[in-house]
Amino acid sequence: ARLFGVGCAGVLIIRKNSVVLLMAVQIILLAAMLNFVAVGQAAGNSAGQVNAILVAVIAVAQMVLGLAITIAFFRNRGSVAVEDVDTLRG
């Protein structure tokens, strides 16, 4: 619950840097993975671990895509500030 709270606080409070925003979302996904494993362990089955692996795959895909977009944005604009993303509207 603490990891999830830290991730939510990071998303809601720190909105200036897109890399920090992506890291906060990763912390939220990490909290969900930890919860899946803990509930699966308490229930005595491996379904929680399978769900955690699925969340890990989704988290990796999200991070790769987010970093690719952030790097492309930095090359074009020279900044990773979230406020500057509005300038990309066509």
C-alpha atoms as a PDB file:
ATOM      1  CA  ALA A   1       0.000   0.000   0.000  1.00  0.00           C
ATOM      2  CA  ARG A   2       2.903   2.326   0.727  1.00  0.00           C
ATOM      3  CA  LEU A   3       4.473   1.730  -2.684  1.00  0.00           C
ATOM      4  CA  PHE A   4       1.141   2.396  -4.353  1.00  0.00           C
ATOM      5  CA  GLY A   5       0.756   5.597  -2.340  1.00  0.00           C
ATOM      6  CA  VAL A   6       4.243   6.773  -3.268  1.00  0.00           C
ATOM      7  CA  GLY A   7       3.525   6.088  -6.938  1.00  0.00           C
ATOM      8  CA  CYS A   8       0.196   7.918  -6.836  1.00  0.00           C
ATOM      9  CA  ALA A   9       1.797  10.862  -5.066  1.00  0.00           C
ATOM     10  CA  GLY A  10       4.503  10.930  -7.724  1.00  0.00           C
ATOM     11  CA  VAL A  11       1.932  11.003 -10.515  1.00  0.00           C
ATOM     12  CA  LEU A  12      -0.247  13.634  -8.863  1.00  0.00           C
ATOM     13  CA  ILE A  13       2.392  15.933  -7.371  1.00  0.00           C
ATOM     14  CA  ILE A  14       5.394  15.749  -9.707  1.00  0.00           C
ATOM     15  CA  ARG A  15       4.031  16.547 -13.155  1.00  0.00           C
ATOM     16  CA  LYS A  16       6.950  18.516 -14.515  1.00  0.00           C
ATOM     17  CA  ASN A  17       9.270  15.814 -15.814  1.00  0.00           C
ATOM     18  CA  SER A  18       8.038  13.000 -18.023  1.00  0.00           C
ATOM     19  CA  VAL A  19      10.800  10.611 -16.928  1.00  0.00           C
ATOM     20  CA  VAL A  20       9.806  11.002 -13.275  1.00  0.00           C
ATOM     21  CA  LEU A  21       6.187  10.492 -14.289  1.00  0.00           C
ATOM     22  CA  LEU A  22       7.097   7.221 -16.000  1.00  0.00           C
ATOM     23  CA  MET A  23       9.023   6.083 -12.920  1.00  0.00           C
ATOM     24  CA  ALA A  24       6.005   6.838 -10.716  1.00  0.00           C
ATOM     25  CA  VAL A  25       3.797   4.712 -12.958  1.00  0.00           C
ATOM     26  CA  GLN A  26       6.378   1.927 -12.718  1.00  0.00           C
ATOM     27  CA  ILE A  27       6.216   2.130  -8.913  1.00  0.00           C
ATOM     28  CA  ILE A  28       2.425   1.730  -9.099  1.00  0.00           C
ATOM     29  CA  LEU A  29       2.824  -1.345 -11.303  1.00  0.00           C
ATOM     30  CA  LEU A  30       5.455  -2.731  -8.926  1.00  0.00           C
ATOM     31  CA  ALA A  31       3.017  -2.364  -6.040  1.00  0.00           C
ATOM     32  CA  ALA A  32       0.384  -4.257  -8.033  1.00  0.00           C
ATOM     33  CA  MET A  33       2.866  -7.046  -8.808  1.00  0.00           C
ATOM     34  CA  LEU A  34       3.826  -7.346  -5.161  1.00  0.00           C
ATOM     35  CA  ASN A  35       0.156  -7.503  -4.201  1.00  0.00           C
ATOM     36  CA  PHE A  36      -0.539 -10.252  -6.753  1.00  0.00           C
ATOM     37  CA  VAL A  37       2.323 -12.363  -5.435  1.00  0.00           C
ATOM     38  CA  ALA A  38       1.315 -11.843  -1.789  1.00  0.00           C
ATOM     39  CA  VAL A  39      -2.329 -12.741  -2.392  1.00  0.00           C
ATOM     40  CA  GLY A  40      -1.340 -15.770  -4.467  1.00  0.00           C
ATOM     41  CA  GLN A  41       1.018 -16.939  -1.735  1.00  0.00           C
ATOM     42  CA  ALA A  42      -1.684 -16.518   0.909  1.00  0.00           C
ATOM     43  CA  ALA A  43      -4.183 -18.435  -1.220  1.00  0.00           C
ATOM     44  CA  GLY A  44      -1.686 -21.219  -1.819  1.00  0.00           C
ATOM     45  CA  ASN A  45      -1.666 -21.154  -5.611  1.00  0.00           C
ATOM     46  CA  SER A  46       0.595 -19.782  -8.307  1.00  0.00           C
ATOM     47  CA  ALA A  47      -2.002 -17.623 -10.081  1.00  0.00           C
ATOM     48  CA  GLY A  48      -0.611 -14.519  -8.380  1.00  0.00           C
ATOM     49  CA  GLN A  49       2.846 -15.196  -9.749  1.00  0.00           C
ATOM     50  CA  VAL A  50       1.465 -15.680 -13.258  1.00  0.00           C
ATOM     51  CA  ASN A  51      -0.399 -12.382 -12.976  1.00  0.00           C
ATOM     52  CA  ALA A  52       2.765 -10.699 -11.677  1.00  0.00           C
ATOM     53  CA  ILE A  53       4.688 -11.909 -14.718  1.00  0.00           C
ATOM     54  CA  LEU A  54       1.931 -10.537 -16.959  1.00  0.00           C
ATOM     55  CA  VAL A  55       2.100  -7.168 -15.187  1.00  0.00           C
ATOM     56  CA  ALA A  56       5.909  -7.202 -15.532  1.00  0.00           C
ATOM     57  CA  VAL A  57       5.649  -7.749 -19.285  1.00  0.00           C
ATOM     58  CA  ILE A  58       3.142  -4.908 -19.594  1.00  0.00           C
ATOM     59  CA  ALA A  59       5.347  -2.661 -17.448  1.00  0.00           C
ATOM     60  CA  VAL A  60       8.397  -3.339 -19.609  1.00  0.00           C
ATOM     61  CA  ALA A  61       6.451  -2.619 -22.791  1.00  0.00           C
ATOM     62  CA  GLN A  62       5.088   0.595 -21.286  1.00  0.00           C
ATOM     63  CA  MET A  63       8.528   1.730 -20.191  1.00  0.00           C
ATOM     64  CA  VAL A  64      10.132   1.010 -23.559  1.00  0.00           C
ATOM     65  CA  LEU A  65       7.404   2.883 -25.408  1.00  0.00           C
ATOM     66  CA  GLY A  66       7.415   5.777 -22.948  1.00  0.00           C
ATOM     67  CA  LEU A  67      11.179   6.184 -23.074  1.00  0.00           C
ATOM     68  CA  ALA A  68      11.181   6.029 -26.870  1.00  0.00           C
ATOM     69  CA  ILE A  69       8.589   8.798 -27.023  1.00  0.00           C
ATOM     70  CA  THR A  70      10.480  10.816 -24.395  1.00  0.00           C
ATOM     71  CA  ILE A  71      13.784  10.491 -26.266  1.00  0.00           C
ATOM     72  CA  ALA A  72      12.149  11.494 -29.551  1.00  0.00           C
ATOM     73  CA  PHE A  73      10.505  14.461 -27.831  1.00  0.00           C
ATOM     74  CA  PHE A  74      13.822  15.502 -26.270  1.00  0.00           C
ATOM     75  CA  ARG A  75      15.575  15.355 -29.643  1.00  0.00           C
ATOM     76  CA  ASN A  76      12.922  17.573 -31.229  1.00  0.00           C
ATOM     77  CA  ARG A  77      12.305  20.062 -28.411  1.00  0.00           C
ATOM     78  CA  GLY A  78      15.365  19.824 -26.157  1.00  0.00           C
ATOM     79  CA  SER A  79      13.244  19.364 -23.044  1.00  0.00           C
ATOM     80  CA  VAL A  80      11.334  16.589 -21.280  1.00  0.00           C
ATOM     81  CA  ALA A  81       8.911  18.926 -19.510  1.00  0.00           C
ATOM     82  CA  VAL A  82       5.328  17.713 -19.600  1.00  0.00           C
ATOM     83  CA  GLU A  83       4.065  21.267 -20.205  1.00  0.00           C
ATOM     84  CA  ASP A  84       5.833  21.320 -23.582  1.00  0.00           C
ATOM     85  CA  VAL A  85       3.900  18.327 -24.883  1.00  0.00           C
ATOM     86  CA  ASP A  86       1.021  20.643 -25.810  1.00  0.00           C
ATOM     87  CA  THR A  87       3.172  22.043 -28.610  1.00  0.00           C
ATOM     88  CA  LEU A  88       2.979  18.715 -30.441  1.00  0.00           C
ATOM     89  CA  ARG A  89      -0.683  19.125 -31.329  1.00  0.00           C
ATOM     90  CA  GLY A  90      -1.052  19.349 -35.037  1.00  0.00           C
END
